[in-house]
Each structure stands twice: as C-alpha cells, then as structure tokens.
Amino acid sequence: MGHVTEGATTRAGILTVSDGAARGERVDRSGDLAAQRVAMLPASVTWRRVVADDPPAIHAAVVAATEETDLLVITGGTGLGPRDVTPQTVRPLLDYEAPGFAEAMRARGLTRTPHAMLSREVTGVRGRCLVLALPGSPAAVDDCLDAVWAALPHALALLRGETAHHAPAHGSAA
C-alpha cells in the first residue's frame, strides 16, 4: 500500500478474544463499542474477527490484522484467569512495546476500581500498526480508550511516517 497522506482515514481492526462470543453464546458488545469509538478518530473498521481464548487463533488473527490495518484494538483475555492468554500471545508478536498507553489505561482504571491493577493491557507496534490489547468488558474498553484517546492521532501519524517535530516550548530543553 502507498503512503497514507494527511487527512487519510486510519484503517482499524477489531479483534475480540472470547470463548463465549466465539461460540455464539454472547453478543460481542466490547467489539461493537471499540468499533464505534475508533470510527470517531476518524478510522474505518476494515478488519474484524472474534476468536476463542486460544493462543494459535489469537496469533493468527493478530498477524493477519496487523498486515492490513494501522490500528488494532483487541478486547478480552487480559485478566489473571487461566484462559486469559492475550498478553503472552500478543507480546512476542510486537516489534516493540509502547508501555505508556498501558500505563495510562491502568492509571485511569485505578481511579474507578482497585481491580484495574489486575489487568494486563499490552500495547505496542507490529510493522506500522499500533496494537492495543484491552480488557473484555465494555466499560473497561470505554475507559481504556478514554485514557489514550488524546495521544492516538499523534501516535498514528508517527507510524505513518509523519515525523515533523514541533519547536520546543519556551524554556524547555531541545
């Protein structure tokens, strides 16, 4: 694909990791919410899947999505339960992590519940795709996206190669 020009719409992917949703036993409300939210960037959801909490299925989906999108939002599988395998499956696929996103998500969550410290969000880059692995509840998806929302456009622009630096603020070191 060619260089994405300024003002171009971001191609987004949504991956839901959930045994119940993969079996059709529950509606993918978290994936629906993530898709609605990223559309406001603006982004176009061009890739969407639901997979079970299964490392090979998660691996294959992340590889496929990051080849076709600029932003991949993953919901589910970030807790401490034995079936929560998203972080350990996604982390080795990243070229590098972007820990500030995950730190911001947990910090925001801790203002609402002490259980936020149990969440294992993973954020980073694969190729030129920003990957955000979020918890599976709709409230947590909303909260996590709120926590990083202001930084997403700039991060996506940097990954597109738009690296023009701004002059430092008055009084700051260059």
C-alpha atoms as a PDB file:
ATOM      1  CA  MET A   1       0.000   0.000   0.000  1.00  0.00           C
ATOM      2  CA  GLY A   2       1.161   3.545  -0.668  1.00  0.00           C
ATOM      3  CA  HIS A   3       1.991   6.279   1.806  1.00  0.00           C
ATOM      4  CA  VAL A   4      -1.031   7.475   3.758  1.00  0.00           C
ATOM      5  CA  THR A   5      -1.472  11.189   3.281  1.00  0.00           C
ATOM      6  CA  GLU A   6      -2.549  13.705   5.901  1.00  0.00           C
ATOM      7  CA  GLY A   7      -6.277  13.582   6.483  1.00  0.00           C
ATOM      8  CA  ALA A   8      -6.451   9.977   5.312  1.00  0.00           C
ATOM      9  CA  THR A   9      -8.692   7.686   7.269  1.00  0.00           C
ATOM     10  CA  THR A  10      -6.985   5.203   9.523  1.00  0.00           C
ATOM     11  CA  ARG A  11      -7.675   1.546   8.769  1.00  0.00           C
ATOM     12  CA  ALA A  12      -8.681  -0.100  12.017  1.00  0.00           C
ATOM     13  CA  GLY A  13      -9.087  -3.687  13.074  1.00  0.00           C
ATOM     14  CA  ILE A  14     -11.082  -5.037  15.999  1.00  0.00           C
ATOM     15  CA  LEU A  15     -10.231  -8.432  17.473  1.00  0.00           C
ATOM     16  CA  THR A  16     -12.380  -9.846  20.247  1.00  0.00           C
ATOM     17  CA  VAL A  17     -10.875 -12.674  22.275  1.00  0.00           C
ATOM     18  CA  SER A  18     -13.713 -14.501  23.998  1.00  0.00           C
ATOM     19  CA  ASP A  19     -14.673 -18.142  24.275  1.00  0.00           C
ATOM     20  CA  GLY A  20     -18.362 -17.240  24.715  1.00  0.00           C
ATOM     21  CA  ALA A  21     -18.514 -14.813  21.773  1.00  0.00           C
ATOM     22  CA  ALA A  22     -16.560 -17.222  19.559  1.00  0.00           C
ATOM     23  CA  ARG A  23     -19.147 -19.935  20.337  1.00  0.00           C
ATOM     24  CA  GLY A  24     -22.001 -17.518  19.644  1.00  0.00           C
ATOM     25  CA  GLU A  25     -23.179 -17.673  23.266  1.00  0.00           C
ATOM     26  CA  ARG A  26     -22.904 -13.938  23.847  1.00  0.00           C
ATOM     27  CA  VAL A  27     -23.039 -10.750  21.837  1.00  0.00           C
ATOM     28  CA  ASP A  28     -19.704  -9.038  21.190  1.00  0.00           C
ATOM     29  CA  ARG A  29     -20.599  -5.769  22.930  1.00  0.00           C
ATOM     30  CA  SER A  30     -16.944  -4.891  23.596  1.00  0.00           C
ATOM     31  CA  GLY A  31     -16.003  -5.270  19.942  1.00  0.00           C
ATOM     32  CA  ASP A  32     -19.047  -3.247  18.901  1.00  0.00           C
ATOM     33  CA  LEU A  33     -18.081  -0.467  21.324  1.00  0.00           C
ATOM     34  CA  ALA A  34     -14.442  -0.478  20.169  1.00  0.00           C
ATOM     35  CA  ALA A  35     -15.600  -0.205  16.542  1.00  0.00           C
ATOM     36  CA  GLN A  36     -17.893   2.722  17.374  1.00  0.00           C
ATOM     37  CA  ARG A  37     -15.149   4.506  19.279  1.00  0.00           C
ATOM     38  CA  VAL A  38     -12.386   4.156  16.675  1.00  0.00           C
ATOM     39  CA  ALA A  39     -14.761   5.399  13.977  1.00  0.00           C
ATOM     40  CA  MET A  40     -14.579   8.774  15.764  1.00  0.00           C
ATOM     41  CA  LEU A  41     -10.784   9.110  15.217  1.00  0.00           C
ATOM     42  CA  PRO A  42     -11.730   9.046  12.243  1.00  0.00           C
ATOM     43  CA  ALA A  43     -11.000   5.460  11.332  1.00  0.00           C
ATOM     44  CA  SER A  44     -12.643   2.933   9.104  1.00  0.00           C
ATOM     45  CA  VAL A  45     -13.038  -0.553  10.568  1.00  0.00           C
ATOM     46  CA  THR A  46     -11.725  -2.648   7.689  1.00  0.00           C
ATOM     47  CA  TRP A  47     -10.991  -5.848   9.640  1.00  0.00           C
ATOM     48  CA  ARG A  48     -12.945  -7.539  12.417  1.00  0.00           C
ATOM     49  CA  ARG A  49     -12.806 -11.007  13.979  1.00  0.00           C
ATOM     50  CA  VAL A  50     -13.846 -12.928  17.087  1.00  0.00           C
ATOM     51  CA  VAL A  51     -11.631 -15.771  18.289  1.00  0.00           C
ATOM     52  CA  ALA A  52     -11.603 -18.035  21.326  1.00  0.00           C
ATOM     53  CA  ASP A  53      -9.077 -17.652  24.145  1.00  0.00           C
ATOM     54  CA  ASP A  54      -6.685 -19.854  22.194  1.00  0.00           C
ATOM     55  CA  PRO A  55      -3.051 -18.814  21.529  1.00  0.00           C
ATOM     56  CA  PRO A  56      -2.822 -20.140  17.934  1.00  0.00           C
ATOM     57  CA  ALA A  57      -6.102 -18.440  16.986  1.00  0.00           C
ATOM     58  CA  ILE A  58      -5.050 -15.149  18.628  1.00  0.00           C
ATOM     59  CA  HIS A  59      -1.604 -15.344  16.983  1.00  0.00           C
ATOM     60  CA  ALA A  60      -3.043 -15.915  13.504  1.00  0.00           C
ATOM     61  CA  ALA A  61      -5.597 -13.133  13.892  1.00  0.00           C
ATOM     62  CA  VAL A  62      -3.043 -10.570  15.143  1.00  0.00           C
ATOM     63  CA  VAL A  63      -0.658 -11.372  12.287  1.00  0.00           C
ATOM     64  CA  ALA A  64      -3.460 -11.065   9.705  1.00  0.00           C
ATOM     65  CA  ALA A  65      -4.879  -7.863  11.173  1.00  0.00           C
ATOM     66  CA  THR A  66      -1.564  -6.039  11.518  1.00  0.00           C
ATOM     67  CA  GLU A  67      -0.771  -6.714   7.863  1.00  0.00           C
ATOM     68  CA  GLU A  68      -3.989  -4.928   6.818  1.00  0.00           C
ATOM     69  CA  THR A  69      -4.547  -2.160   9.378  1.00  0.00           C
ATOM     70  CA  ASP A  70      -2.955   0.868  11.023  1.00  0.00           C
ATOM     71  CA  LEU A  71      -4.619   0.316  14.407  1.00  0.00           C
ATOM     72  CA  LEU A  72      -5.644  -2.974  16.001  1.00  0.00           C
ATOM     73  CA  VAL A  73      -7.823  -2.885  19.106  1.00  0.00           C
ATOM     74  CA  ILE A  74      -8.029  -6.233  20.875  1.00  0.00           C
ATOM     75  CA  THR A  75     -10.626  -6.801  23.579  1.00  0.00           C
ATOM     76  CA  GLY A  76     -10.513  -9.626  26.087  1.00  0.00           C
ATOM     77  CA  GLY A  77      -8.172 -12.101  27.677  1.00  0.00           C
ATOM     78  CA  THR A  78      -6.085  -9.625  29.678  1.00  0.00           C
ATOM     79  CA  GLY A  79      -7.064 -10.716  33.186  1.00  0.00           C
ATOM     80  CA  LEU A  80      -5.430 -13.182  35.556  1.00  0.00           C
ATOM     81  CA  GLY A  81      -7.590 -16.208  34.794  1.00  0.00           C
ATOM     82  CA  PRO A  82      -6.167 -19.400  33.326  1.00  0.00           C
ATOM     83  CA  ARG A  83      -7.890 -18.738  29.960  1.00  0.00           C
ATOM     84  CA  ASP A  84      -6.607 -15.120  29.803  1.00  0.00           C
ATOM     85  CA  VAL A  85      -3.761 -15.625  27.334  1.00  0.00           C
ATOM     86  CA  THR A  86      -3.901 -12.491  25.200  1.00  0.00           C
ATOM     87  CA  PRO A  87      -0.869 -10.652  26.683  1.00  0.00           C
ATOM     88  CA  GLN A  88       1.532 -13.581  26.490  1.00  0.00           C
ATOM     89  CA  THR A  89       0.363 -14.349  22.952  1.00  0.00           C
ATOM     90  CA  VAL A  90       0.477 -10.769  21.636  1.00  0.00           C
ATOM     91  CA  ARG A  91       3.681  -9.509  23.301  1.00  0.00           C
ATOM     92  CA  PRO A  92       6.113 -11.706  21.267  1.00  0.00           C
ATOM     93  CA  LEU A  93       4.426 -10.562  18.042  1.00  0.00           C
ATOM     94  CA  LEU A  94       5.214  -6.899  18.680  1.00  0.00           C
ATOM     95  CA  ASP A  95       8.278  -5.264  17.144  1.00  0.00           C
ATOM     96  CA  TYR A  96       8.364  -3.036  20.219  1.00  0.00           C
ATOM     97  CA  GLU A  97       6.089  -2.091  23.080  1.00  0.00           C
ATOM     98  CA  ALA A  98       4.522   1.310  23.739  1.00  0.00           C
ATOM     99  CA  PRO A  99       4.123   0.967  27.510  1.00  0.00           C
ATOM    100  CA  GLY A 100       2.831   4.489  28.127  1.00  0.00           C
ATOM    101  CA  PHE A 101      -0.531   3.532  26.647  1.00  0.00           C
ATOM    102  CA  ALA A 102      -0.945   0.552  29.011  1.00  0.00           C
ATOM    103  CA  GLU A 103       0.288   2.597  31.963  1.00  0.00           C
ATOM    104  CA  ALA A 104      -2.271   5.325  31.227  1.00  0.00           C
ATOM    105  CA  MET A 105      -5.052   2.754  30.935  1.00  0.00           C
ATOM    106  CA  ARG A 106      -4.260   1.154  34.285  1.00  0.00           C
ATOM    107  CA  ALA A 107      -3.816   4.517  35.998  1.00  0.00           C
ATOM    108  CA  ARG A 108      -7.230   5.665  34.793  1.00  0.00           C
ATOM    109  CA  GLY A 109      -8.813   2.371  35.777  1.00  0.00           C
ATOM    110  CA  LEU A 110      -7.390   2.610  39.289  1.00  0.00           C
ATOM    111  CA  THR A 111      -9.352   5.826  39.827  1.00  0.00           C
ATOM    112  CA  ARG A 112     -12.501   3.712  39.441  1.00  0.00           C
ATOM    113  CA  THR A 113     -11.651   0.288  40.896  1.00  0.00           C
ATOM    114  CA  PRO A 114      -8.717  -1.385  42.649  1.00  0.00           C
ATOM    115  CA  HIS A 115      -9.256  -4.347  40.319  1.00  0.00           C
ATOM    116  CA  ALA A 116      -7.682  -2.351  37.490  1.00  0.00           C
ATOM    117  CA  MET A 117      -4.276  -3.367  38.823  1.00  0.00           C
ATOM    118  CA  LEU A 118      -5.130  -6.950  37.840  1.00  0.00           C
ATOM    119  CA  SER A 119      -5.487  -6.059  34.170  1.00  0.00           C
ATOM    120  CA  ARG A 120      -2.622  -6.870  31.831  1.00  0.00           C
ATOM    121  CA  GLU A 121      -3.075  -4.461  28.928  1.00  0.00           C
ATOM    122  CA  VAL A 122      -0.372  -4.806  26.293  1.00  0.00           C
ATOM    123  CA  THR A 123       0.345  -2.040  23.795  1.00  0.00           C
ATOM    124  CA  GLY A 124       2.922  -1.771  21.063  1.00  0.00           C
ATOM    125  CA  VAL A 125       3.720  -1.743  17.386  1.00  0.00           C
ATOM    126  CA  ARG A 126       3.899  -4.501  14.810  1.00  0.00           C
ATOM    127  CA  GLY A 127       5.095  -3.221  11.453  1.00  0.00           C
ATOM    128  CA  ARG A 128       3.335   0.127  11.191  1.00  0.00           C
ATOM    129  CA  CYS A 129       0.276  -0.983  13.139  1.00  0.00           C
ATOM    130  CA  LEU A 130      -0.429   0.239  16.661  1.00  0.00           C
ATOM    131  CA  VAL A 131      -1.767  -2.646  18.764  1.00  0.00           C
ATOM    132  CA  LEU A 132      -3.846  -2.028  21.887  1.00  0.00           C
ATOM    133  CA  ALA A 133      -4.875  -5.112  23.882  1.00  0.00           C
ATOM    134  CA  LEU A 134      -7.656  -4.088  26.287  1.00  0.00           C
ATOM    135  CA  PRO A 135      -9.820  -5.883  28.852  1.00  0.00           C
ATOM    136  CA  GLY A 136     -13.015  -7.508  27.650  1.00  0.00           C
ATOM    137  CA  SER A 137     -15.767  -5.627  29.460  1.00  0.00           C
ATOM    138  CA  PRO A 138     -17.460  -2.784  27.550  1.00  0.00           C
ATOM    139  CA  ALA A 139     -16.912  -0.395  30.499  1.00  0.00           C
ATOM    140  CA  ALA A 140     -13.184  -1.201  30.551  1.00  0.00           C
ATOM    141  CA  VAL A 141     -12.899  -0.798  26.763  1.00  0.00           C
ATOM    142  CA  ASP A 142     -14.506   2.633  27.007  1.00  0.00           C
ATOM    143  CA  ASP A 143     -12.343   3.626  29.976  1.00  0.00           C
ATOM    144  CA  CYS A 144      -9.104   2.431  28.354  1.00  0.00           C
ATOM    145  CA  LEU A 145      -9.829   4.228  25.094  1.00  0.00           C
ATOM    146  CA  ASP A 146     -10.649   7.401  27.042  1.00  0.00           C
ATOM    147  CA  ALA A 147      -7.266   7.138  28.767  1.00  0.00           C
ATOM    148  CA  VAL A 148      -5.291   7.110  25.499  1.00  0.00           C
ATOM    149  CA  TRP A 149      -7.636   8.991  23.190  1.00  0.00           C
ATOM    150  CA  ALA A 150      -5.719  12.271  23.080  1.00  0.00           C
ATOM    151  CA  ALA A 151      -2.464  10.530  22.085  1.00  0.00           C
ATOM    152  CA  LEU A 152      -3.865   8.186  19.425  1.00  0.00           C
ATOM    153  CA  PRO A 153      -3.910  10.606  16.451  1.00  0.00           C
ATOM    154  CA  HIS A 154      -0.300  11.657  17.038  1.00  0.00           C
ATOM    155  CA  ALA A 155       0.860   8.055  17.516  1.00  0.00           C
ATOM    156  CA  LEU A 156      -0.858   7.002  14.288  1.00  0.00           C
ATOM    157  CA  ALA A 157       0.659   9.958  12.410  1.00  0.00           C
ATOM    158  CA  LEU A 158       4.135   8.995  13.648  1.00  0.00           C
ATOM    159  CA  LEU A 159       3.614   5.416  12.476  1.00  0.00           C
ATOM    160  CA  ARG A 160       2.580   6.760   9.034  1.00  0.00           C
ATOM    161  CA  GLY A 161       5.972   8.473   8.893  1.00  0.00           C
ATOM    162  CA  GLU A 162       4.712  11.968   9.643  1.00  0.00           C
ATOM    163  CA  THR A 163       7.626  12.829  11.917  1.00  0.00           C
ATOM    164  CA  ALA A 164       7.871  16.602  11.608  1.00  0.00           C
ATOM    165  CA  HIS A 165       8.909  17.830  15.023  1.00  0.00           C
ATOM    166  CA  HIS A 166       7.406  20.873  16.632  1.00  0.00           C
ATOM    167  CA  ALA A 167       9.575  23.605  18.086  1.00  0.00           C
ATOM    168  CA  PRO A 168      10.226  23.026  21.795  1.00  0.00           C
ATOM    169  CA  ALA A 169       8.095  25.033  24.214  1.00  0.00           C
ATOM    170  CA  HIS A 170       9.654  28.179  25.612  1.00  0.00           C
ATOM    171  CA  GLY A 171      12.080  27.358  28.372  1.00  0.00           C
ATOM    172  CA  SER A 172      12.339  23.621  27.613  1.00  0.00           C
ATOM    173  CA  ALA A 173      15.494  21.869  26.586  1.00  0.00           C
ATOM    174  CA  ALA A 174      15.877  20.948  22.934  1.00  0.00           C
END
